[in-house]
N, C-alpha and C. Protein backbone atom coordinates (compact mmCIF):
# COMPACT_ATOMS: atom_id res chain seq x y z
N MET A 1 0.81 -1.20 0.00
CA MET A 1 0.00 0.00 0.00
C MET A 1 0.85 1.27 0.00
N LEU A 2 1.96 1.26 0.77
CA LEU A 2 2.81 2.44 0.81
C LEU A 2 3.36 2.78 -0.58
N ASP A 3 3.83 1.75 -1.28
CA ASP A 3 4.40 2.00 -2.60
C ASP A 3 3.33 2.50 -3.56
N ALA A 4 2.09 2.05 -3.38
CA ALA A 4 0.99 2.53 -4.23
C ALA A 4 0.77 4.04 -4.02
N VAL A 5 0.92 4.51 -2.79
CA VAL A 5 0.79 5.94 -2.53
C VAL A 5 1.94 6.69 -3.19
N PHE A 6 3.15 6.16 -3.06
CA PHE A 6 4.28 6.81 -3.73
C PHE A 6 4.06 6.86 -5.24
N ALA A 7 3.41 5.84 -5.80
CA ALA A 7 3.15 5.83 -7.24
C ALA A 7 2.21 6.97 -7.65
N GLU A 8 1.36 7.41 -6.74
CA GLU A 8 0.42 8.51 -7.03
C GLU A 8 1.08 9.89 -6.99
N ILE A 9 2.23 10.00 -6.34
CA ILE A 9 2.86 11.31 -6.15
C ILE A 9 3.38 11.85 -7.48
N GLU A 10 2.94 13.05 -7.79
CA GLU A 10 3.42 13.75 -8.99
C GLU A 10 4.40 14.82 -8.56
N LEU A 11 5.66 14.57 -8.86
CA LEU A 11 6.69 15.56 -8.53
C LEU A 11 6.61 16.71 -9.52
N PRO A 12 6.80 17.93 -9.03
CA PRO A 12 6.83 19.05 -9.98
C PRO A 12 8.08 18.96 -10.86
N ALA A 13 8.05 19.65 -11.97
CA ALA A 13 9.21 19.67 -12.86
C ALA A 13 10.42 20.22 -12.11
N GLU A 14 11.58 19.65 -12.38
CA GLU A 14 12.80 20.15 -11.76
C GLU A 14 13.09 21.56 -12.24
N THR A 15 13.56 22.38 -11.31
CA THR A 15 13.89 23.77 -11.65
C THR A 15 15.38 23.98 -11.83
N GLY A 16 16.18 23.07 -11.26
CA GLY A 16 17.62 23.26 -11.24
C GLY A 16 18.09 24.07 -10.04
N ALA A 17 17.16 24.60 -9.27
CA ALA A 17 17.48 25.32 -8.04
C ALA A 17 17.26 24.35 -6.87
N TRP A 18 18.30 24.05 -6.14
CA TRP A 18 18.22 23.01 -5.13
C TRP A 18 17.08 23.23 -4.15
N ARG A 19 16.92 24.44 -3.68
CA ARG A 19 15.91 24.70 -2.66
C ARG A 19 14.50 24.55 -3.23
N ALA A 20 14.25 25.10 -4.38
CA ALA A 20 12.92 24.99 -5.00
C ALA A 20 12.59 23.52 -5.29
N ASP A 21 13.59 22.75 -5.71
CA ASP A 21 13.33 21.33 -5.99
C ASP A 21 13.02 20.56 -4.71
N LEU A 22 13.71 20.88 -3.62
CA LEU A 22 13.41 20.23 -2.34
C LEU A 22 12.04 20.63 -1.82
N GLU A 23 11.72 21.91 -1.90
CA GLU A 23 10.40 22.37 -1.47
C GLU A 23 9.30 21.69 -2.27
N GLY A 24 9.48 21.58 -3.57
CA GLY A 24 8.48 20.93 -4.42
C GLY A 24 8.29 19.47 -4.06
N ALA A 25 9.39 18.76 -3.82
CA ALA A 25 9.30 17.35 -3.46
C ALA A 25 8.65 17.17 -2.09
N ALA A 26 9.05 18.00 -1.12
CA ALA A 26 8.48 17.90 0.23
C ALA A 26 6.98 18.21 0.21
N ARG A 27 6.59 19.20 -0.57
CA ARG A 27 5.15 19.52 -0.66
C ARG A 27 4.37 18.41 -1.36
N ALA A 28 4.98 17.76 -2.35
CA ALA A 28 4.32 16.64 -3.02
C ALA A 28 4.12 15.49 -2.02
N LEU A 29 5.13 15.23 -1.19
CA LEU A 29 5.01 14.20 -0.16
C LEU A 29 3.91 14.59 0.84
N TRP A 30 3.86 15.85 1.20
CA TRP A 30 2.83 16.34 2.12
C TRP A 30 1.43 16.12 1.53
N ARG A 31 1.25 16.46 0.25
CA ARG A 31 -0.07 16.28 -0.37
C ARG A 31 -0.49 14.81 -0.32
N ALA A 32 0.47 13.89 -0.46
CA ALA A 32 0.14 12.46 -0.35
C ALA A 32 -0.32 12.13 1.06
N MET A 33 0.29 12.74 2.05
CA MET A 33 -0.09 12.49 3.44
C MET A 33 -1.47 13.06 3.74
N VAL A 34 -1.78 14.21 3.17
CA VAL A 34 -3.11 14.80 3.35
C VAL A 34 -4.16 13.91 2.68
N ALA A 35 -3.85 13.40 1.49
CA ALA A 35 -4.78 12.54 0.75
C ALA A 35 -4.96 11.18 1.43
N HIS A 36 -3.92 10.71 2.11
CA HIS A 36 -3.93 9.40 2.78
C HIS A 36 -3.44 9.60 4.21
N PRO A 37 -4.29 10.05 5.12
CA PRO A 37 -3.84 10.40 6.48
C PRO A 37 -3.13 9.27 7.23
N TRP A 38 -3.33 8.04 6.85
CA TRP A 38 -2.68 6.90 7.51
C TRP A 38 -1.23 6.74 7.06
N PHE A 39 -0.89 7.34 5.93
CA PHE A 39 0.39 7.13 5.26
C PHE A 39 1.59 7.48 6.14
N ALA A 40 1.55 8.64 6.79
CA ALA A 40 2.70 9.07 7.60
C ALA A 40 2.99 8.09 8.72
N GLY A 41 1.96 7.63 9.40
CA GLY A 41 2.16 6.70 10.50
C GLY A 41 2.67 5.33 10.06
N ALA A 42 2.39 4.97 8.84
CA ALA A 42 2.82 3.66 8.33
C ALA A 42 4.21 3.69 7.71
N LEU A 43 4.73 4.87 7.46
CA LEU A 43 6.01 5.04 6.78
C LEU A 43 7.14 4.94 7.79
N SER A 44 7.92 3.88 7.74
CA SER A 44 9.01 3.69 8.68
C SER A 44 10.27 4.42 8.20
N MET A 45 10.89 5.13 9.11
CA MET A 45 12.16 5.80 8.79
C MET A 45 13.35 4.95 9.22
N THR A 46 13.15 4.03 10.15
CA THR A 46 14.25 3.23 10.66
C THR A 46 14.36 1.86 10.00
N ARG A 47 13.25 1.38 9.45
CA ARG A 47 13.24 0.08 8.76
C ARG A 47 12.40 0.19 7.50
N PRO A 48 12.87 1.00 6.56
CA PRO A 48 12.05 1.23 5.37
C PRO A 48 11.93 0.00 4.49
N ALA A 49 10.77 -0.13 3.90
CA ALA A 49 10.54 -1.20 2.93
C ALA A 49 11.15 -0.79 1.59
N ALA A 50 11.48 -1.76 0.77
CA ALA A 50 11.95 -1.48 -0.58
C ALA A 50 10.74 -1.13 -1.44
N MET A 51 10.66 0.13 -1.85
CA MET A 51 9.51 0.60 -2.60
C MET A 51 9.98 1.28 -3.89
N PRO A 52 9.81 0.62 -5.02
CA PRO A 52 10.31 1.19 -6.27
C PRO A 52 9.70 2.55 -6.61
N HIS A 53 8.45 2.78 -6.23
CA HIS A 53 7.82 4.05 -6.56
C HIS A 53 8.27 5.20 -5.66
N ALA A 54 8.99 4.87 -4.59
CA ALA A 54 9.54 5.91 -3.71
C ALA A 54 10.86 6.45 -4.25
N MET A 55 11.46 5.73 -5.20
CA MET A 55 12.79 6.12 -5.68
C MET A 55 12.82 7.48 -6.39
N PRO A 56 11.83 7.85 -7.19
CA PRO A 56 11.89 9.20 -7.79
C PRO A 56 11.91 10.31 -6.74
N MET A 57 11.12 10.17 -5.68
CA MET A 57 11.10 11.15 -4.60
C MET A 57 12.46 11.19 -3.91
N THR A 58 12.98 10.02 -3.60
CA THR A 58 14.28 9.93 -2.93
C THR A 58 15.36 10.57 -3.78
N GLU A 59 15.40 10.23 -5.05
CA GLU A 59 16.42 10.78 -5.94
C GLU A 59 16.27 12.29 -6.11
N ARG A 60 15.04 12.77 -6.19
CA ARG A 60 14.84 14.22 -6.33
C ARG A 60 15.37 14.95 -5.10
N MET A 61 15.04 14.42 -3.93
CA MET A 61 15.49 15.09 -2.71
C MET A 61 17.00 14.99 -2.54
N LEU A 62 17.54 13.82 -2.77
CA LEU A 62 19.00 13.68 -2.67
C LEU A 62 19.71 14.55 -3.71
N GLY A 63 19.16 14.61 -4.91
CA GLY A 63 19.74 15.46 -5.95
C GLY A 63 19.71 16.94 -5.56
N GLY A 64 18.61 17.37 -4.94
CA GLY A 64 18.54 18.75 -4.47
C GLY A 64 19.57 19.03 -3.40
N LEU A 65 19.73 18.11 -2.49
CA LEU A 65 20.70 18.30 -1.41
C LEU A 65 22.13 18.25 -1.94
N ARG A 66 22.39 17.37 -2.88
CA ARG A 66 23.73 17.36 -3.50
C ARG A 66 23.95 18.65 -4.26
N GLY A 67 22.88 19.17 -4.90
CA GLY A 67 22.97 20.44 -5.61
C GLY A 67 23.25 21.62 -4.69
N ALA A 68 22.90 21.47 -3.41
CA ALA A 68 23.21 22.49 -2.41
C ALA A 68 24.66 22.43 -1.97
N GLY A 69 25.37 21.40 -2.43
CA GLY A 69 26.79 21.28 -2.09
C GLY A 69 27.09 20.25 -1.03
N LEU A 70 26.09 19.49 -0.60
CA LEU A 70 26.33 18.50 0.45
C LEU A 70 26.99 17.25 -0.12
N ASP A 71 27.89 16.67 0.67
CA ASP A 71 28.48 15.39 0.28
C ASP A 71 27.42 14.30 0.45
N PRO A 72 27.67 13.09 -0.04
CA PRO A 72 26.62 12.05 0.02
C PRO A 72 26.11 11.74 1.44
N VAL A 73 26.99 11.73 2.43
CA VAL A 73 26.56 11.41 3.79
C VAL A 73 25.69 12.53 4.35
N ARG A 74 26.12 13.78 4.20
CA ARG A 74 25.32 14.90 4.68
C ARG A 74 24.01 14.98 3.92
N ALA A 75 24.04 14.75 2.61
CA ALA A 75 22.81 14.79 1.82
C ALA A 75 21.82 13.74 2.33
N PHE A 76 22.30 12.53 2.60
CA PHE A 76 21.40 11.49 3.07
C PHE A 76 20.88 11.81 4.48
N THR A 77 21.75 12.34 5.33
CA THR A 77 21.33 12.73 6.68
C THR A 77 20.23 13.79 6.60
N ASP A 78 20.43 14.80 5.78
CA ASP A 78 19.43 15.86 5.68
C ASP A 78 18.18 15.41 4.92
N TYR A 79 18.33 14.47 4.00
CA TYR A 79 17.16 13.86 3.35
C TYR A 79 16.28 13.19 4.41
N LEU A 80 16.91 12.38 5.27
CA LEU A 80 16.15 11.72 6.33
C LEU A 80 15.52 12.74 7.27
N GLY A 81 16.25 13.81 7.57
CA GLY A 81 15.72 14.86 8.44
C GLY A 81 14.51 15.55 7.84
N LEU A 82 14.59 15.88 6.56
CA LEU A 82 13.47 16.57 5.91
C LEU A 82 12.25 15.66 5.78
N VAL A 83 12.47 14.42 5.39
CA VAL A 83 11.34 13.48 5.29
C VAL A 83 10.73 13.25 6.67
N THR A 84 11.57 13.17 7.70
CA THR A 84 11.06 12.98 9.05
C THR A 84 10.25 14.20 9.51
N LEU A 85 10.67 15.39 9.14
CA LEU A 85 9.91 16.59 9.46
C LEU A 85 8.52 16.52 8.82
N VAL A 86 8.46 16.22 7.53
CA VAL A 86 7.18 16.13 6.84
C VAL A 86 6.35 15.00 7.43
N ARG A 87 6.97 13.87 7.66
CA ARG A 87 6.26 12.72 8.22
C ARG A 87 5.74 13.00 9.62
N GLY A 88 6.54 13.69 10.43
CA GLY A 88 6.12 13.99 11.80
C GLY A 88 4.87 14.86 11.84
N ILE A 89 4.83 15.87 11.00
CA ILE A 89 3.63 16.72 10.95
C ILE A 89 2.48 15.94 10.32
N GLY A 90 2.80 15.13 9.31
CA GLY A 90 1.78 14.29 8.68
C GLY A 90 1.17 13.30 9.65
N ALA A 91 1.94 12.86 10.64
CA ALA A 91 1.43 11.90 11.62
C ALA A 91 0.36 12.49 12.52
N THR A 92 0.16 13.81 12.48
CA THR A 92 -0.90 14.42 13.28
C THR A 92 -2.25 14.39 12.56
N LEU A 93 -2.24 14.12 11.27
CA LEU A 93 -3.47 14.22 10.48
C LEU A 93 -4.52 13.17 10.84
N GLU A 94 -4.11 11.91 10.85
CA GLU A 94 -5.07 10.83 11.12
C GLU A 94 -5.66 10.92 12.53
N PRO A 95 -4.85 11.11 13.57
CA PRO A 95 -5.46 11.24 14.91
C PRO A 95 -6.40 12.44 15.03
N GLU A 96 -6.06 13.55 14.37
CA GLU A 96 -6.95 14.72 14.44
C GLU A 96 -8.29 14.42 13.77
N LEU A 97 -8.26 13.72 12.64
CA LEU A 97 -9.52 13.35 11.99
C LEU A 97 -10.35 12.43 12.88
N ALA A 98 -9.69 11.48 13.54
CA ALA A 98 -10.39 10.56 14.44
C ALA A 98 -10.95 11.32 15.65
N ASP A 99 -10.13 12.22 16.20
CA ASP A 99 -10.60 13.00 17.36
C ASP A 99 -11.78 13.88 16.99
N ARG A 100 -11.71 14.48 15.82
CA ARG A 100 -12.82 15.33 15.38
C ARG A 100 -14.09 14.50 15.22
N ALA A 101 -13.95 13.29 14.65
CA ALA A 101 -15.12 12.42 14.49
C ALA A 101 -15.68 11.98 15.84
N ASP A 102 -14.77 11.69 16.80
CA ASP A 102 -15.21 11.24 18.13
C ASP A 102 -15.86 12.34 18.95
N THR A 103 -15.32 13.57 18.87
CA THR A 103 -15.78 14.64 19.75
C THR A 103 -16.74 15.62 19.08
N GLY A 104 -16.68 15.69 17.75
CA GLY A 104 -17.52 16.64 17.03
C GLY A 104 -17.00 18.07 17.07
N VAL A 105 -15.78 18.28 17.58
CA VAL A 105 -15.20 19.62 17.62
C VAL A 105 -13.84 19.64 16.94
N THR A 106 -13.48 20.81 16.44
CA THR A 106 -12.17 20.97 15.81
C THR A 106 -11.09 21.07 16.88
N ASN A 107 -9.85 21.03 16.45
CA ASN A 107 -8.72 21.20 17.36
C ASN A 107 -8.82 22.54 18.08
N ASP A 108 -9.11 23.60 17.35
CA ASP A 108 -9.20 24.93 17.95
C ASP A 108 -10.34 25.00 18.97
N GLN A 109 -11.49 24.40 18.63
CA GLN A 109 -12.60 24.38 19.57
C GLN A 109 -12.24 23.59 20.83
N TRP A 110 -11.54 22.49 20.64
CA TRP A 110 -11.10 21.66 21.77
C TRP A 110 -10.21 22.48 22.70
N MET A 111 -9.25 23.21 22.11
CA MET A 111 -8.35 24.02 22.93
C MET A 111 -9.12 25.11 23.66
N ASP A 112 -10.09 25.73 22.99
CA ASP A 112 -10.90 26.75 23.66
C ASP A 112 -11.64 26.17 24.85
N LEU A 113 -12.14 24.95 24.71
CA LEU A 113 -12.87 24.30 25.80
C LEU A 113 -11.94 23.93 26.96
N ARG A 114 -10.65 23.74 26.67
CA ARG A 114 -9.68 23.31 27.68
C ARG A 114 -8.79 24.45 28.18
N ALA A 115 -9.02 25.66 27.74
CA ALA A 115 -8.16 26.79 28.10
C ALA A 115 -8.08 26.99 29.61
N GLY A 116 -9.18 26.82 30.30
CA GLY A 116 -9.18 26.98 31.76
C GLY A 116 -8.26 25.98 32.44
N ASP A 117 -8.30 24.72 31.98
CA ASP A 117 -7.43 23.70 32.54
C ASP A 117 -5.96 24.06 32.31
N LEU A 118 -5.66 24.53 31.12
CA LEU A 118 -4.28 24.88 30.78
C LEU A 118 -3.81 26.08 31.62
N ARG A 119 -4.67 27.05 31.79
CA ARG A 119 -4.29 28.22 32.60
C ARG A 119 -4.06 27.81 34.07
N ARG A 120 -4.82 26.84 34.53
CA ARG A 120 -4.66 26.37 35.92
C ARG A 120 -3.31 25.69 36.12
N ILE A 121 -2.89 24.88 35.18
CA ILE A 121 -1.61 24.16 35.36
C ILE A 121 -0.41 24.96 34.87
N ALA A 122 -0.67 26.05 34.13
CA ALA A 122 0.42 26.88 33.61
C ALA A 122 0.11 28.36 33.90
N PRO A 123 0.14 28.74 35.17
CA PRO A 123 -0.19 30.14 35.51
C PRO A 123 0.83 31.11 34.93
N ALA A 124 0.37 32.33 34.72
CA ALA A 124 1.18 33.36 34.06
C ALA A 124 2.49 33.63 34.79
N ASP A 125 2.52 33.52 36.10
CA ASP A 125 3.76 33.81 36.83
C ASP A 125 4.83 32.73 36.60
N ARG A 126 4.41 31.51 36.26
CA ARG A 126 5.37 30.43 35.99
C ARG A 126 5.57 30.18 34.51
N CYS A 127 4.59 30.49 33.71
CA CYS A 127 4.63 30.20 32.27
C CYS A 127 4.21 31.43 31.47
N PRO A 128 4.99 32.51 31.56
CA PRO A 128 4.57 33.74 30.88
C PRO A 128 4.53 33.62 29.35
N HIS A 129 5.41 32.82 28.78
CA HIS A 129 5.44 32.70 27.32
C HIS A 129 4.23 31.93 26.80
N LEU A 130 3.88 30.86 27.49
CA LEU A 130 2.70 30.10 27.11
C LEU A 130 1.44 30.95 27.29
N ASN A 131 1.39 31.71 28.36
CA ASN A 131 0.23 32.57 28.60
C ASN A 131 0.10 33.66 27.55
N ALA A 132 1.23 34.15 27.06
CA ALA A 132 1.18 35.17 26.01
C ALA A 132 0.47 34.63 24.77
N ILE A 133 0.77 33.40 24.38
CA ILE A 133 0.11 32.84 23.19
C ILE A 133 -1.34 32.49 23.51
N MET A 134 -1.62 32.10 24.75
CA MET A 134 -3.03 31.84 25.11
C MET A 134 -3.85 33.12 25.02
N GLU A 135 -3.26 34.23 25.37
CA GLU A 135 -3.98 35.51 25.28
C GLU A 135 -4.24 35.90 23.82
N ILE A 136 -3.25 35.68 22.98
CA ILE A 136 -3.38 36.03 21.57
C ILE A 136 -4.27 35.04 20.84
N GLY A 137 -4.10 33.76 21.17
CA GLY A 137 -4.79 32.69 20.47
C GLY A 137 -3.90 32.13 19.37
N TYR A 138 -4.05 30.86 19.11
CA TYR A 138 -3.22 30.22 18.09
C TYR A 138 -4.10 29.29 17.26
N PRO A 139 -4.37 29.67 16.03
CA PRO A 139 -5.16 28.79 15.16
C PRO A 139 -4.27 27.68 14.59
N TYR A 140 -4.38 26.50 15.14
CA TYR A 140 -3.55 25.38 14.71
C TYR A 140 -3.78 25.07 13.24
N ASP A 141 -2.69 24.96 12.50
CA ASP A 141 -2.76 24.64 11.08
C ASP A 141 -1.52 23.83 10.72
N ALA A 142 -1.72 22.56 10.40
CA ALA A 142 -0.59 21.68 10.10
C ALA A 142 0.22 22.18 8.90
N GLU A 143 -0.43 22.79 7.92
CA GLU A 143 0.32 23.29 6.77
C GLU A 143 1.22 24.46 7.14
N VAL A 144 0.78 25.29 8.06
CA VAL A 144 1.64 26.38 8.54
C VAL A 144 2.86 25.80 9.26
N LEU A 145 2.64 24.76 10.07
CA LEU A 145 3.76 24.10 10.75
C LEU A 145 4.73 23.50 9.74
N LEU A 146 4.19 22.86 8.71
CA LEU A 146 5.04 22.27 7.68
C LEU A 146 5.89 23.35 7.00
N GLU A 147 5.26 24.41 6.55
CA GLU A 147 6.00 25.47 5.85
C GLU A 147 7.04 26.12 6.75
N SER A 148 6.67 26.40 7.99
CA SER A 148 7.60 27.02 8.92
C SER A 148 8.80 26.10 9.17
N GLY A 149 8.52 24.85 9.49
CA GLY A 149 9.60 23.91 9.76
C GLY A 149 10.48 23.67 8.55
N MET A 150 9.87 23.52 7.39
CA MET A 150 10.64 23.26 6.17
C MET A 150 11.53 24.46 5.84
N GLN A 151 10.99 25.67 5.94
CA GLN A 151 11.79 26.85 5.61
C GLN A 151 12.97 27.00 6.56
N ARG A 152 12.76 26.76 7.83
CA ARG A 152 13.86 26.86 8.79
C ARG A 152 14.88 25.75 8.58
N PHE A 153 14.43 24.58 8.25
CA PHE A 153 15.33 23.46 7.96
C PHE A 153 16.21 23.81 6.76
N LEU A 154 15.59 24.27 5.69
CA LEU A 154 16.34 24.61 4.48
C LEU A 154 17.22 25.84 4.70
N ASP A 155 16.75 26.79 5.52
CA ASP A 155 17.60 27.94 5.86
C ASP A 155 18.89 27.47 6.52
N GLY A 156 18.77 26.49 7.40
CA GLY A 156 19.96 25.96 8.09
C GLY A 156 20.94 25.35 7.12
N ILE A 157 20.45 24.59 6.15
CA ILE A 157 21.33 24.01 5.13
C ILE A 157 22.01 25.13 4.36
N GLU A 158 21.23 26.13 3.99
CA GLU A 158 21.78 27.24 3.20
C GLU A 158 22.88 27.98 3.96
N VAL A 159 22.65 28.23 5.24
CA VAL A 159 23.66 28.93 6.05
C VAL A 159 24.93 28.10 6.14
N CYS A 160 24.79 26.82 6.44
CA CYS A 160 25.97 25.96 6.58
C CYS A 160 26.74 25.87 5.26
N GLU A 161 26.03 25.75 4.17
CA GLU A 161 26.71 25.61 2.88
C GLU A 161 27.31 26.94 2.41
N THR A 162 26.63 28.04 2.68
CA THR A 162 27.17 29.35 2.31
C THR A 162 28.47 29.62 3.05
N ARG A 163 28.51 29.22 4.30
CA ARG A 163 29.72 29.43 5.11
C ARG A 163 30.71 28.29 4.97
N ARG A 164 30.32 27.24 4.24
CA ARG A 164 31.15 26.06 4.02
C ARG A 164 31.58 25.42 5.34
N LEU A 165 30.62 25.29 6.24
CA LEU A 165 30.89 24.71 7.54
C LEU A 165 30.81 23.19 7.48
N THR A 166 31.55 22.53 8.35
CA THR A 166 31.41 21.09 8.46
C THR A 166 30.12 20.78 9.18
N LEU A 167 29.69 19.54 9.11
CA LEU A 167 28.49 19.14 9.83
C LEU A 167 28.66 19.41 11.32
N GLY A 168 29.82 19.10 11.88
CA GLY A 168 30.06 19.34 13.30
C GLY A 168 29.96 20.79 13.67
N GLU A 169 30.41 21.67 12.79
CA GLU A 169 30.33 23.11 13.07
C GLU A 169 28.88 23.59 13.01
N CYS A 170 28.05 22.92 12.25
CA CYS A 170 26.64 23.31 12.14
C CYS A 170 25.80 22.77 13.29
N LEU A 171 26.29 21.75 13.96
CA LEU A 171 25.54 21.13 15.05
C LEU A 171 26.08 21.60 16.39
N SER A 172 25.29 21.45 17.41
CA SER A 172 25.73 21.83 18.75
C SER A 172 26.82 20.87 19.23
N SER A 173 27.59 21.32 20.18
CA SER A 173 28.68 20.50 20.70
C SER A 173 28.18 19.26 21.42
N SER A 174 26.92 19.24 21.83
CA SER A 174 26.39 18.08 22.55
C SER A 174 25.84 17.02 21.61
N SER A 175 25.83 17.30 20.31
CA SER A 175 25.26 16.34 19.37
C SER A 175 26.16 15.12 19.21
N PRO A 176 25.59 13.91 19.26
CA PRO A 176 26.41 12.71 19.10
C PRO A 176 26.99 12.59 17.69
N ILE A 177 26.39 13.23 16.72
CA ILE A 177 26.87 13.13 15.36
C ILE A 177 28.09 14.02 15.13
N ARG A 178 28.31 14.99 16.00
CA ARG A 178 29.37 15.96 15.82
C ARG A 178 30.73 15.29 15.72
N HIS A 179 30.95 14.24 16.44
CA HIS A 179 32.26 13.63 16.52
C HIS A 179 32.50 12.50 15.53
N ARG A 180 31.65 12.37 14.54
CA ARG A 180 31.81 11.30 13.57
C ARG A 180 32.76 11.68 12.44
N GLY A 181 33.28 12.89 12.48
CA GLY A 181 34.34 13.27 11.56
C GLY A 181 33.90 13.52 10.14
N CYS A 182 32.72 14.10 9.91
CA CYS A 182 32.34 14.45 8.55
C CYS A 182 33.31 15.50 8.04
N PRO A 183 33.89 15.28 6.88
CA PRO A 183 34.92 16.19 6.37
C PRO A 183 34.34 17.54 5.95
N ARG A 184 35.20 18.54 5.98
CA ARG A 184 34.86 19.87 5.45
C ARG A 184 34.78 19.73 3.94
N HIS A 185 33.89 20.49 3.34
CA HIS A 185 33.75 20.45 1.88
C HIS A 185 34.96 21.04 1.21
């Protein structure tokens, strides 16, 4: 079933611009998750199945990352990171649909109904930042989360590549990957 969903994905035409090509591929993957809300939860990142129809997506994303100047290891690492970002947000779709069916209310309505509980456990004197957003209100939108996360992810790649930093220099000193010795470009 997973490979059948990948077969449905229509990748946009390549632009030759690494970032635009990655954005297009990630958005195409997102549209598949919206069309098939179960897809994200079924897609394993640690034990992937061999899926021939997933290869065009994989190659497009890896090609975009290589086009950004990443070596094969960094490109594959960031490919997994970007797919995991899209998949993680996609994994919220199916439970939200089920919750909406069970309760008859949207996510925003649910939060409005629970605001008093949240204010009780997160008072303004202890949680001023959370209270600030509660005062303003936050209309939850998975597509906004996707776009925000994707843009910041790709911004990070762009900064590291523009400065020609090693992977270790781009990551915090506490990261376990920092000491694996990825070479400078």
